[in-house]
Protein backbone atom coordinates (compact mmCIF):
# COMPACT_ATOMS: atom_id res chain seq x y z
CA MET A 1 16.46 19.68 1.13
CA THR A 2 15.15 22.03 -1.49
CA ALA A 3 11.07 22.87 -1.06
CA HIS A 4 9.45 22.05 -4.32
CA VAL A 5 6.85 24.97 -4.67
CA LEU A 6 4.21 25.49 -7.48
CA ILE A 7 3.01 29.43 -7.72
CA VAL A 8 -0.49 29.52 -9.69
CA GLU A 9 -0.84 33.25 -10.63
CA ASP A 10 -1.11 35.04 -14.11
CA ASP A 11 -0.18 38.73 -12.20
CA GLU A 12 3.31 38.87 -13.27
CA ASP A 13 3.79 41.83 -10.29
CA TYR A 14 2.78 39.46 -7.84
CA ILE A 15 4.62 36.37 -9.43
CA ALA A 16 7.87 38.68 -9.31
CA GLU A 17 7.12 40.07 -5.48
CA LEU A 18 6.33 35.83 -4.69
CA SER A 19 9.95 35.01 -6.04
CA ALA A 20 11.74 37.69 -4.46
CA ILE A 21 10.23 36.34 -0.74
CA PHE A 22 11.55 32.84 -1.89
CA GLY A 23 14.74 34.12 -3.17
CA GLY A 24 15.13 36.28 0.49
CA LEU A 25 15.38 32.77 2.45
CA ALA A 26 18.00 30.90 3.52
CA ALA A 27 16.49 27.33 2.58
CA PRO A 28 16.81 26.60 -1.10
CA SER A 29 13.34 26.33 -2.90
CA ARG A 30 12.64 25.32 -6.78
CA LEU A 31 9.58 27.29 -8.10
CA THR A 32 7.12 26.56 -11.39
CA VAL A 33 5.16 29.05 -11.79
CA ALA A 34 1.26 27.88 -13.60
CA ARG A 35 -0.41 30.91 -15.21
CA ASN A 36 -3.60 29.66 -15.80
CA ARG A 37 -6.18 26.34 -14.75
CA ASP A 38 -5.05 23.94 -17.45
CA GLU A 39 -1.37 24.79 -16.83
CA ALA A 40 -1.88 24.29 -13.06
CA ARG A 41 -3.87 21.08 -13.71
CA THR A 42 -1.15 19.51 -15.63
CA LEU A 43 1.67 19.99 -13.23
CA LEU A 44 -0.35 18.92 -10.39
CA ASP A 45 -1.20 15.19 -12.04
CA SER A 46 2.83 15.28 -13.26
CA GLU A 47 4.83 16.77 -10.66
CA PHE A 48 5.60 16.63 -6.93
CA TYR A 49 5.30 19.73 -4.62
CA ASP A 50 5.72 20.20 -1.16
CA PHE A 51 3.45 23.77 -1.11
CA ALA A 52 1.29 25.61 -3.44
CA ILE A 53 0.50 29.32 -3.63
CA LEU A 54 -3.12 29.66 -5.49
CA ASP A 55 -4.55 32.82 -6.85
CA LEU A 56 -8.28 32.25 -7.10
CA LYS A 57 -8.93 34.56 -10.21
CA ILE A 58 -7.26 32.92 -13.11
CA PRO A 59 -7.56 32.45 -16.41
CA THR A 60 -8.83 28.72 -18.29
CA GLY A 61 -5.52 28.78 -20.50
CA ASN A 62 -2.82 31.05 -22.36
CA GLY A 63 -3.97 33.46 -24.19
CA THR A 64 -7.30 33.69 -22.82
CA LEU A 65 -9.03 36.54 -20.61
CA ASP A 66 -11.61 34.67 -18.72
CA LEU A 67 -10.59 35.41 -14.75
CA ASP A 68 -12.91 33.85 -12.76
CA PRO A 69 -12.39 32.47 -9.33
CA GLU A 70 -14.58 29.74 -10.47
CA HIS A 71 -11.16 28.43 -12.38
CA GLY A 72 -8.98 28.99 -9.14
CA LYS A 73 -11.59 26.52 -6.94
CA PHE A 74 -11.13 24.25 -9.64
CA VAL A 75 -7.50 24.19 -9.10
CA PHE A 76 -7.68 24.02 -5.27
CA HIS A 77 -10.16 21.04 -5.51
CA HIS A 78 -7.76 19.46 -8.44
CA ALA A 79 -4.81 19.75 -5.56
CA ARG A 80 -6.51 18.27 -2.80
CA LYS A 81 -7.75 15.56 -5.29
CA VAL A 82 -4.37 14.49 -7.20
CA THR A 83 -1.94 15.64 -4.24
CA PRO A 84 -4.10 15.90 -0.66
CA GLY A 85 -0.83 15.86 1.35
CA THR A 86 0.22 19.30 -0.36
CA LYS A 87 0.06 22.58 2.13
CA LEU A 88 -1.71 25.01 0.13
CA LEU A 89 -1.57 29.04 0.25
CA VAL A 90 -4.95 30.57 -1.16
CA LEU A 91 -4.62 34.16 -2.15
CA THR A 92 -7.88 36.03 -2.56
CA SER A 93 -9.17 39.51 -3.00
CA SER A 94 -11.48 39.50 -0.06
CA PRO A 95 -11.97 37.05 2.98
CA SER A 96 -15.69 37.69 2.36
CA ASP A 97 -16.06 35.99 -0.71
CA ASP A 98 -18.85 33.81 -0.91
CA PHE A 99 -16.95 30.64 -1.62
CA ILE A 100 -14.20 30.80 0.84
CA ALA A 101 -16.59 28.82 3.44
CA ASP A 102 -16.67 25.63 1.06
CA LEU A 103 -12.42 26.04 0.76
CA LEU A 104 -12.28 26.22 4.48
CA THR A 105 -14.26 22.70 4.88
CA GLN A 106 -10.85 21.22 3.36
CA LYS A 107 -9.04 22.86 5.89
CA HIS A 108 -6.84 20.23 8.67
CA ASP A 109 -4.91 20.84 11.19
CA SER A 110 -1.95 18.60 11.21
CA ASP A 111 1.67 18.50 12.27
CA ILE A 112 3.04 18.51 8.74
CA TRP A 113 6.66 18.09 8.73
CA GLY A 114 7.16 16.20 12.33
CA GLU A 115 7.62 19.93 14.01
CA GLY A 116 5.79 18.92 17.15
CA ALA A 117 3.20 21.39 16.60
CA LYS A 118 -0.07 21.36 14.32
CA ILE A 119 -0.70 24.09 11.76
CA ASP A 120 -3.08 24.31 9.33
CA THR A 121 -3.01 22.40 5.72
CA VAL A 122 -4.89 25.15 3.91
CA GLU A 123 -4.24 28.80 4.76
CA PHE A 124 -5.77 32.07 3.08
CA LEU A 125 -3.93 35.31 2.69
CA ARG A 126 -5.69 38.63 0.96
CA LYS A 127 -3.29 39.64 -2.02
CA ILE A 128 -3.47 43.15 -0.12
CA ASN A 129 -1.83 41.55 2.74
CA ILE A 130 1.18 40.00 0.55
CA ASP A 131 3.71 41.48 3.15
CA ARG A 132 2.45 38.99 5.49
CA ALA A 133 3.39 36.61 3.59
CA PRO A 134 7.46 35.75 3.95
CA ILE A 135 6.43 34.79 7.58
CA THR A 136 4.16 31.70 6.17
CA ILE A 137 6.58 30.80 3.58
CA GLY A 138 9.49 31.35 5.50
CA LYS A 139 7.85 28.81 8.48
CA VAL A 140 6.72 26.54 5.32
CA VAL A 141 10.46 26.74 3.96
CA ASP A 142 12.31 26.22 6.97
CA ALA A 143 10.45 23.10 8.06
CA ILE A 144 10.85 21.01 4.79
CA HIS A 145 14.80 22.02 4.84
CA ALA A 146 14.95 20.76 8.17
CA LEU A 147 14.04 17.24 7.11
CA ASP A 148 17.21 17.07 5.60
CA GLY A 149 18.57 16.81 9.29
CA ILE A 150 17.42 13.23 9.33
CA GLU A 151 20.16 10.97 7.78
CA LEU A 152 18.45 8.37 5.36
CA GLU A 153 20.11 5.10 4.45
CA LEU A 154 19.04 3.07 1.81
CA ARG A 155 19.33 -0.78 0.99
CA SER A 156 18.40 -1.75 -2.10
CA VAL A 157 15.27 0.17 -2.33
CA ASN A 158 14.54 3.48 -4.22
CA LEU A 159 12.40 6.05 -2.99
CA SER A 160 10.21 8.63 -4.63
CA THR A 161 10.17 12.12 -3.39
CA GLY A 162 6.82 11.95 -1.55
CA GLU A 163 7.73 8.92 -0.12
CA ASP A 164 11.26 10.08 1.08
CA ARG A 165 9.54 12.77 2.69
CA LEU A 166 7.38 10.62 4.40
CA VAL A 167 9.60 8.29 5.62
CA ARG A 168 11.79 11.63 7.27
CA ILE A 169 8.75 12.67 8.68
CA PHE A 170 7.92 10.13 10.58
CA ALA A 171 11.57 9.41 11.84
CA ARG A 172 11.56 13.65 12.60
CA ARG A 173 8.39 12.57 14.72
CA PHE A 174 9.81 10.03 16.80
CA GLY A 175 13.09 12.12 17.68
CA ALA A 176 15.42 10.21 15.32
CA MET A 177 18.58 11.34 13.59
CA ARG A 178 19.36 8.18 11.32
CA CYS A 179 16.85 5.94 9.59
CA ARG A 180 17.88 2.69 7.89
CA ALA A 181 15.50 1.85 5.09
CA SER A 182 15.03 -1.62 3.40
CA LYS A 183 12.10 -3.33 1.20
CA ILE A 184 10.21 -6.17 2.87
CA GLY A 185 6.93 -7.37 0.98
CA ALA A 186 6.47 -8.53 -2.19
CA GLY A 187 2.73 -7.11 -3.22
CA ARG A 188 1.39 -6.21 -6.20
CA SER A 189 -1.21 -3.61 -4.87
CA GLY A 190 1.37 -0.87 -6.11
CA ALA A 191 2.09 0.43 -2.37
CA LYS A 192 5.69 0.09 -1.03
CA THR A 193 6.46 -1.80 2.41
CA LEU A 194 9.48 -1.04 3.99
CA ARG A 195 11.10 -1.88 7.06
CA LEU A 196 12.21 1.22 8.95
CA GLN A 197 15.18 1.25 11.52
CA LEU A 198 15.50 4.42 14.00
CA PHE A 199 18.50 5.52 15.58
CA ASP A 200 19.08 8.38 17.80
CA GLY A 201 21.42 10.75 17.79
CA SER A 202 24.02 8.67 19.89
CA GLY A 203 23.60 6.03 17.31
CA ALA A 204 21.28 3.96 19.63
CA PRO A 205 18.28 2.13 17.90
CA LEU A 206 15.28 3.29 18.76
CA ARG A 207 12.48 0.83 17.29
CA GLU A 208 11.96 -0.71 13.80
CA VAL A 209 8.80 0.06 11.95
CA VAL A 210 6.78 -1.58 9.18
CA ALA A 211 6.02 1.28 6.93
CA LYS A 212 3.25 0.94 4.03
CA LEU A 213 3.59 3.78 1.41
CA GLY A 214 0.64 4.58 -1.32
CA SER A 215 -1.92 6.61 -2.33
CA LEU A 216 -3.97 8.33 0.45
CA ASP A 217 -7.07 6.45 -0.41
CA ARG A 218 -5.06 3.05 -0.28
CA VAL A 219 -3.83 3.96 2.81
CA GLN A 220 -6.96 4.86 4.18
CA ASP A 221 -8.87 1.58 3.00
CA GLU A 222 -6.10 -0.31 4.79
CA ASP A 223 -6.57 1.78 7.99
CA ARG A 224 -9.97 0.90 8.01
CA ARG A 225 -9.47 -2.75 7.45
CA TYR A 226 -6.63 -2.82 10.32
CA GLU A 227 -9.18 -1.37 12.85
CA ALA A 228 -12.20 -3.66 11.97
CA ASN A 229 -10.55 -6.65 11.96
CA VAL A 230 -6.78 -6.44 12.72
CA VAL A 231 -7.26 -5.73 16.35
CA LEU A 232 -8.80 -9.02 16.67
CA LEU A 233 -5.92 -10.79 16.58
CA ASN A 234 -3.35 -11.45 18.88
CA GLY A 235 -0.77 -8.41 19.52
CA ALA A 236 2.18 -10.61 19.18
CA VAL A 237 1.73 -11.76 15.80
CA THR A 238 0.51 -8.90 14.02
CA PRO A 239 2.40 -5.37 14.45
CA ARG A 240 0.82 -2.63 16.22
CA LYS A 241 -0.01 0.27 14.53
CA MET A 242 1.98 3.57 15.47
CA SER A 243 0.52 6.23 13.12
CA MET A 244 -0.77 7.36 9.83
CA LEU A 245 0.55 10.08 7.68
CA GLU A 246 -1.65 12.28 5.48
CA PHE A 247 0.15 15.23 5.07
CA GLY A 248 3.72 16.33 3.73
CA ALA A 249 4.45 13.98 0.91
CA GLY A 250 2.00 15.36 -2.08
CA PRO A 251 0.13 12.62 -3.65
CA THR A 252 1.83 10.04 -0.88
CA ALA A 253 0.33 8.71 2.42
CA GLY A 254 1.47 5.99 4.84
CA LEU A 255 0.75 3.84 7.73
CA PHE A 256 3.53 2.93 10.41
CA TYR A 257 3.40 -0.12 12.65
CA GLN A 258 5.85 -0.87 15.10
CA LEU A 259 7.79 -4.02 14.48
CA ALA A 260 9.35 -6.50 17.10
CA GLN A 261 13.47 -6.57 17.15
CA GLY A 262 14.42 -9.98 15.54
CA HIS A 263 11.92 -10.55 12.86
CA ASP A 264 14.73 -10.58 10.06
CA GLU A 265 13.93 -13.09 7.83
CA SER A 266 10.73 -13.95 5.66
CA MET A 267 8.88 -17.03 5.39
CA PHE A 268 10.60 -17.40 1.97
CA ALA A 269 14.03 -17.08 3.05
CA VAL A 270 13.39 -19.51 5.79
CA MET A 271 11.80 -22.24 3.25
CA ALA A 272 15.12 -21.75 0.91
CA LYS A 273 17.60 -23.01 4.02
CA GLU A 274 15.45 -25.00 6.17
CA ASP A 275 12.06 -26.50 5.02
CA LYS A 276 11.33 -28.25 8.44
CA ARG A 277 12.09 -24.57 9.98
CA ALA A 278 9.22 -23.14 7.46
CA ALA A 279 6.78 -25.70 8.17
CA SER A 280 6.87 -24.97 11.99
CA ALA A 281 6.49 -21.03 10.60
CA VAL A 282 3.50 -22.26 8.75
CA ALA A 283 1.65 -23.72 12.12
CA ALA A 284 2.66 -20.78 13.82
CA THR A 285 0.63 -18.78 11.13
CA SER A 286 -1.97 -20.90 10.94
CA ALA A 287 -2.51 -20.55 14.80
CA ALA A 288 -1.96 -16.79 14.74
CA LEU A 289 -5.31 -16.27 12.54
CA ALA A 290 -6.98 -18.86 13.56
CA ASP A 291 -9.12 -15.95 15.55
CA TRP A 292 -10.58 -15.23 12.30
CA SER A 293 -11.75 -18.60 11.46
CA ALA A 294 -12.67 -19.99 14.90
CA SER A 295 -16.28 -21.02 15.33
CA LYS A 296 -17.40 -19.85 12.07
CA ALA A 297 -20.44 -21.72 10.87
CA GLU A 298 -20.61 -23.17 7.20
CA THR A 299 -22.29 -21.54 4.71
CA ARG A 300 -23.82 -22.48 1.01
CA ARG A 301 -21.96 -20.89 -1.57
CA THR A 302 -21.07 -20.96 -5.15
CA VAL A 303 -17.62 -21.26 -6.61
CA ALA A 304 -18.37 -17.91 -8.41
CA LYS A 305 -19.05 -16.20 -4.99
CA VAL A 306 -15.57 -16.95 -3.84
CA ARG A 307 -13.67 -16.38 -6.69
CA ALA A 308 -15.83 -12.78 -6.99
CA CYS A 309 -14.41 -11.50 -3.44
CA TRP A 310 -10.72 -11.00 -5.08
CA VAL A 311 -11.61 -11.31 -9.23
CA GLU A 312 -14.56 -9.08 -10.62
CA ASP A 313 -16.93 -10.61 -13.02
CA GLU A 314 -15.76 -8.70 -15.70
CA ALA A 315 -12.28 -9.57 -15.42
CA ALA A 316 -12.65 -13.21 -14.95
CA LYS A 317 -14.47 -13.61 -18.08
CA ALA A 318 -11.69 -11.69 -20.10
CA LEU A 319 -9.12 -14.31 -18.09
CA GLN A 320 -11.10 -17.06 -19.15
CA ALA A 321 -11.51 -16.21 -22.58
CA LYS A 322 -8.06 -15.08 -23.11
CA TYR A 323 -6.66 -18.62 -21.58
CA GLY A 324 -9.24 -20.90 -23.20
CA LEU A 325 -10.81 -21.89 -19.63
CA ASP A 326 -14.06 -22.92 -21.51
CA TRP A 327 -15.33 -25.43 -18.57
CA ALA A 328 -14.95 -22.15 -16.30
CA ALA A 329 -18.58 -21.15 -16.26
CA GLU A 330 -19.90 -24.69 -15.11
CA PHE A 331 -17.01 -24.93 -12.82
CA GLU A 332 -18.17 -21.95 -11.30
CA GLY A 333 -21.38 -22.92 -10.74
CA LYS A 334 -20.31 -25.53 -8.26
CA GLN A 335 -22.58 -24.93 -5.36
CA LEU A 336 -20.16 -25.78 -1.85
CA GLN A 337 -19.99 -26.09 1.41
CA THR A 338 -17.74 -22.92 2.88
CA ARG A 339 -16.35 -21.66 6.32
CA TRP A 340 -16.85 -17.84 5.50
CA CYS A 341 -14.36 -15.66 7.54
CA CYS A 342 -12.29 -12.51 7.89
CA VAL A 343 -8.75 -13.25 5.92
CA HIS A 344 -5.38 -11.49 4.97
CA GLY A 345 -6.19 -12.10 1.26
CA ASP A 346 -2.49 -11.57 0.31
CA LEU A 347 -0.53 -13.95 2.22
CA HIS A 348 2.49 -14.82 0.49
CA GLY A 349 5.70 -15.48 1.76
CA GLU A 350 7.09 -12.17 1.77
CA ASN A 351 4.26 -10.65 4.16
CA ILE A 352 5.27 -13.48 7.13
CA LEU A 353 8.31 -12.43 9.19
CA VAL A 354 10.14 -14.89 11.35
CA ALA A 355 12.62 -14.33 13.98
CA ASN A 356 14.66 -17.71 16.24
CA GLY A 357 11.96 -19.92 17.79
CA ASN A 358 9.63 -19.61 14.79
CA LYS A 359 7.89 -16.65 16.30
CA ILE A 360 6.21 -14.80 13.53
CA VAL A 361 4.49 -11.79 12.41
CA ILE A 362 2.32 -10.95 9.90
CA ILE A 363 2.47 -7.78 7.95
CA ASP A 364 0.64 -6.03 4.59
CA TYR A 365 -3.03 -5.56 5.79
CA GLY A 366 -4.37 -3.88 2.31
CA ASP A 367 -6.64 -6.88 1.16
CA VAL A 368 -8.20 -7.84 4.37
CA GLY A 369 -11.74 -8.99 4.02
CA MET A 370 -14.24 -11.68 3.86
CA SER A 371 -13.81 -14.77 1.85
CA ALA A 372 -13.25 -18.35 2.41
CA ALA A 373 -11.37 -19.49 5.14
CA SER A 374 -8.77 -21.80 3.14
CA TYR A 375 -7.85 -18.58 1.02
CA ASP A 376 -4.87 -17.32 3.03
CA PRO A 377 -3.23 -21.06 3.01
CA VAL A 378 -4.30 -22.16 -0.06
CA SER A 379 -2.84 -18.85 -1.12
CA LEU A 380 0.75 -19.35 1.10
CA GLU A 381 0.88 -22.85 -0.30
CA LEU A 382 0.74 -21.39 -4.04
CA SER A 383 2.84 -18.40 -4.00
CA ALA A 384 5.77 -20.62 -2.92
CA VAL A 385 5.74 -21.88 -6.83
CA LEU A 386 4.44 -19.01 -8.17
CA GLN A 387 6.27 -15.74 -6.73
CA GLN A 388 9.78 -15.33 -6.84
CA ASN A 389 11.76 -16.92 -4.32
CA ASP A 390 14.85 -18.93 -3.84
CA THR A 391 12.95 -22.23 -4.06
CA ILE A 392 11.40 -21.59 -7.16
CA SER A 393 12.56 -23.29 -10.32
CA THR A 394 11.38 -24.75 -13.48
CA ALA A 395 12.18 -28.57 -12.06
CA TRP A 396 9.68 -28.67 -9.98
CA PRO A 397 6.56 -28.36 -9.98
CA ASN A 398 6.85 -29.35 -13.68
CA GLU A 399 3.10 -29.53 -15.32
CA ALA A 400 2.60 -33.21 -14.90
CA ALA A 401 3.16 -32.31 -11.45
CA CYS A 402 1.13 -29.31 -11.37
CA ARG A 403 -1.49 -31.93 -12.66
CA LYS A 404 -1.37 -33.87 -9.68
CA TRP A 405 -1.92 -31.16 -7.10
CA HIS A 406 -4.76 -32.63 -5.76
CA ASP A 407 -3.29 -36.00 -5.00
CA LEU A 408 -0.40 -34.15 -2.62
CA ASP A 409 1.83 -37.51 -2.61
CA ALA A 410 2.14 -37.40 -6.07
CA TYR A 411 2.41 -33.84 -6.42
CA LEU A 412 5.23 -33.94 -3.85
CA ALA A 413 7.84 -36.10 -5.78
CA ASP A 414 11.23 -34.23 -6.42
CA CYS A 415 9.39 -31.69 -4.44
CA PRO A 416 12.15 -29.44 -2.41
CA ILE A 417 10.04 -28.21 0.03
CA PRO A 418 7.84 -31.09 0.95
CA GLY A 419 7.58 -30.12 4.72
CA PHE A 420 6.15 -26.49 4.12
CA ILE A 421 3.69 -27.80 1.34
CA ARG A 422 2.29 -30.22 3.50
CA ALA A 423 2.02 -27.79 6.37
CA CYS A 424 0.09 -25.44 4.21
CA ARG A 425 -2.46 -28.16 3.13
CA GLU A 426 -2.84 -29.37 6.47
CA TRP A 427 -3.78 -25.66 7.41
CA SER A 428 -6.16 -25.74 4.37
CA THR A 429 -7.75 -29.03 5.42
CA ALA A 430 -8.33 -27.94 9.02
CA VAL A 431 -10.07 -24.82 8.36
CA ALA A 432 -11.95 -25.16 5.12
CA ALA A 433 -15.63 -26.76 5.08
CA GLY A 434 -14.13 -29.34 2.84
CA ARG A 435 -12.14 -30.21 -0.63
CA ARG A 436 -14.70 -28.47 -2.80
CA GLU A 437 -13.89 -25.24 -0.83
CA ILE A 438 -9.69 -25.73 -0.83
CA ALA A 439 -10.71 -26.48 -5.03
CA ALA A 440 -12.61 -23.18 -4.80
CA SER A 441 -9.63 -21.17 -3.31
CA ALA A 442 -6.97 -22.03 -5.27
CA TYR A 443 -8.70 -21.99 -8.88
CA THR A 444 -9.61 -18.32 -7.17
CA TYR A 445 -5.80 -17.50 -6.62
CA LEU A 446 -4.75 -19.42 -10.03
CA LEU A 447 -7.19 -16.98 -11.99
CA ARG A 448 -5.96 -13.75 -9.68
CA GLN A 449 -2.16 -14.66 -10.63
CA LEU A 450 -3.10 -14.65 -14.38
CA LYS A 451 -3.88 -11.04 -14.36
CA TYR A 452 -0.13 -10.51 -13.73
CA SER A 453 2.51 -10.29 -16.41
CA ASP A 454 5.50 -11.74 -14.74
CA THR A 455 3.71 -15.16 -13.63
CA ASP A 456 4.34 -18.67 -15.23
CA LYS A 457 1.04 -18.84 -17.34
CA GLN A 458 1.52 -22.48 -18.37
CA ARG A 459 2.27 -23.40 -14.68
CA ILE A 460 -0.63 -22.00 -13.44
CA LEU A 461 -3.02 -23.42 -16.39
CA ALA A 462 -1.56 -27.04 -15.49
CA LEU A 463 -2.05 -26.25 -11.75
CA LEU A 464 -5.59 -25.06 -12.64
CA GLU A 465 -6.25 -29.10 -14.02
CA GLY A 466 -4.81 -30.08 -10.99
CA VAL A 467 -7.84 -27.96 -9.01
CA ARG A 468 -10.49 -29.33 -11.45
CA ALA A 469 -9.76 -32.92 -10.45
CA CYS A 470 -9.71 -31.52 -7.00
CA MET A 471 -13.16 -30.82 -7.77
CA ALA A 472 -14.34 -33.28 -9.52
CA SER A 473 -13.04 -35.96 -6.57
CA THR A 474 -15.65 -34.67 -4.02
């Protein structure tokens, strides 16, 4: 495995010396040189780097002579911002420079590449001691190259360089020699959710894992939500967090959850094969999340307050204008009783995994937060007709059926999955403070789906008419 290295240095002698050090190592490296601040910033914004070596005293651009440590400090902080998982080696003229203390606050101890020992994510080296660089550089390149020992089998999934690194680092930490990765979930957040199956050197399975890969701030945010809310649920229905990896993969970080074996099908997959079983899995999901909504008192709110949990005011106004929802302002002003509690926030059919006996596990906690209790069951129901799955078609629900969404029996005429839909609606009714709350949740979910380029806009607009009728009937 080739180490991707950025050298930020304007002195050609040091560039040559560092290049010679890398060239003398047994493991391969790909070197990129930036000779000034602006070039370094551009490269950090656009390329992946395992390792960066930064001289602090550099110019701002090509042909300039404004050498100053401030320009190197800018590159340092920019690297920490855009590629926080990249290890940094900082070259200094003197360890007593007054700015070193500031940079030291960015240092962490971490087992970056799964070697079993913690190292500094930021190191400093005086230029006059450059003869010590081969030891530091060699250890880094060897650690990166060792990741190649993990055999990675990708099943219908493409990984970026950083994502590939992170999966291998996790597998190495747990003593796996082979890892099979397949994609699960179908969220729109930009993060990637994977199923990882780890095997030891004899080929025996070690464990199954759900990995959530994304930017560091997104991963840290999900970790906070998990610790605050998901740990309150029954551990049998939520995968237990194993670790969070923040270093070794450039801009990419990851959360890793242990998954019990046997949860091989998504709710959507079950729904496509056996409607009755899907309905039972909905009931199991309702029971799994009951601890969030149980015993929560009703509160008085407006539709706008429910909507604002998932669609910001300016975005909502833009969508209402774009799709001619001239009734929305009055609709959002409606007062309603709500049962306000923690909800999953992205509960579609790919985020529920089903095992034999209709045991379920719920994954992907990046949107967990406070909202109306009915938002999850409404989201699950509507995801079946708006997000890609094997039952979705133009035949049902057609626009006429969508306008009858408020009348369940009429809506379900010719429905291929009536058991699933009824189970979702029963869940909504059980947890909501009333039909107005259900209508507010449905309006919010549908408005949220209008944001995405690949959703059926005519179906959404027709469903919104059914939601208006639901509100009018209360």
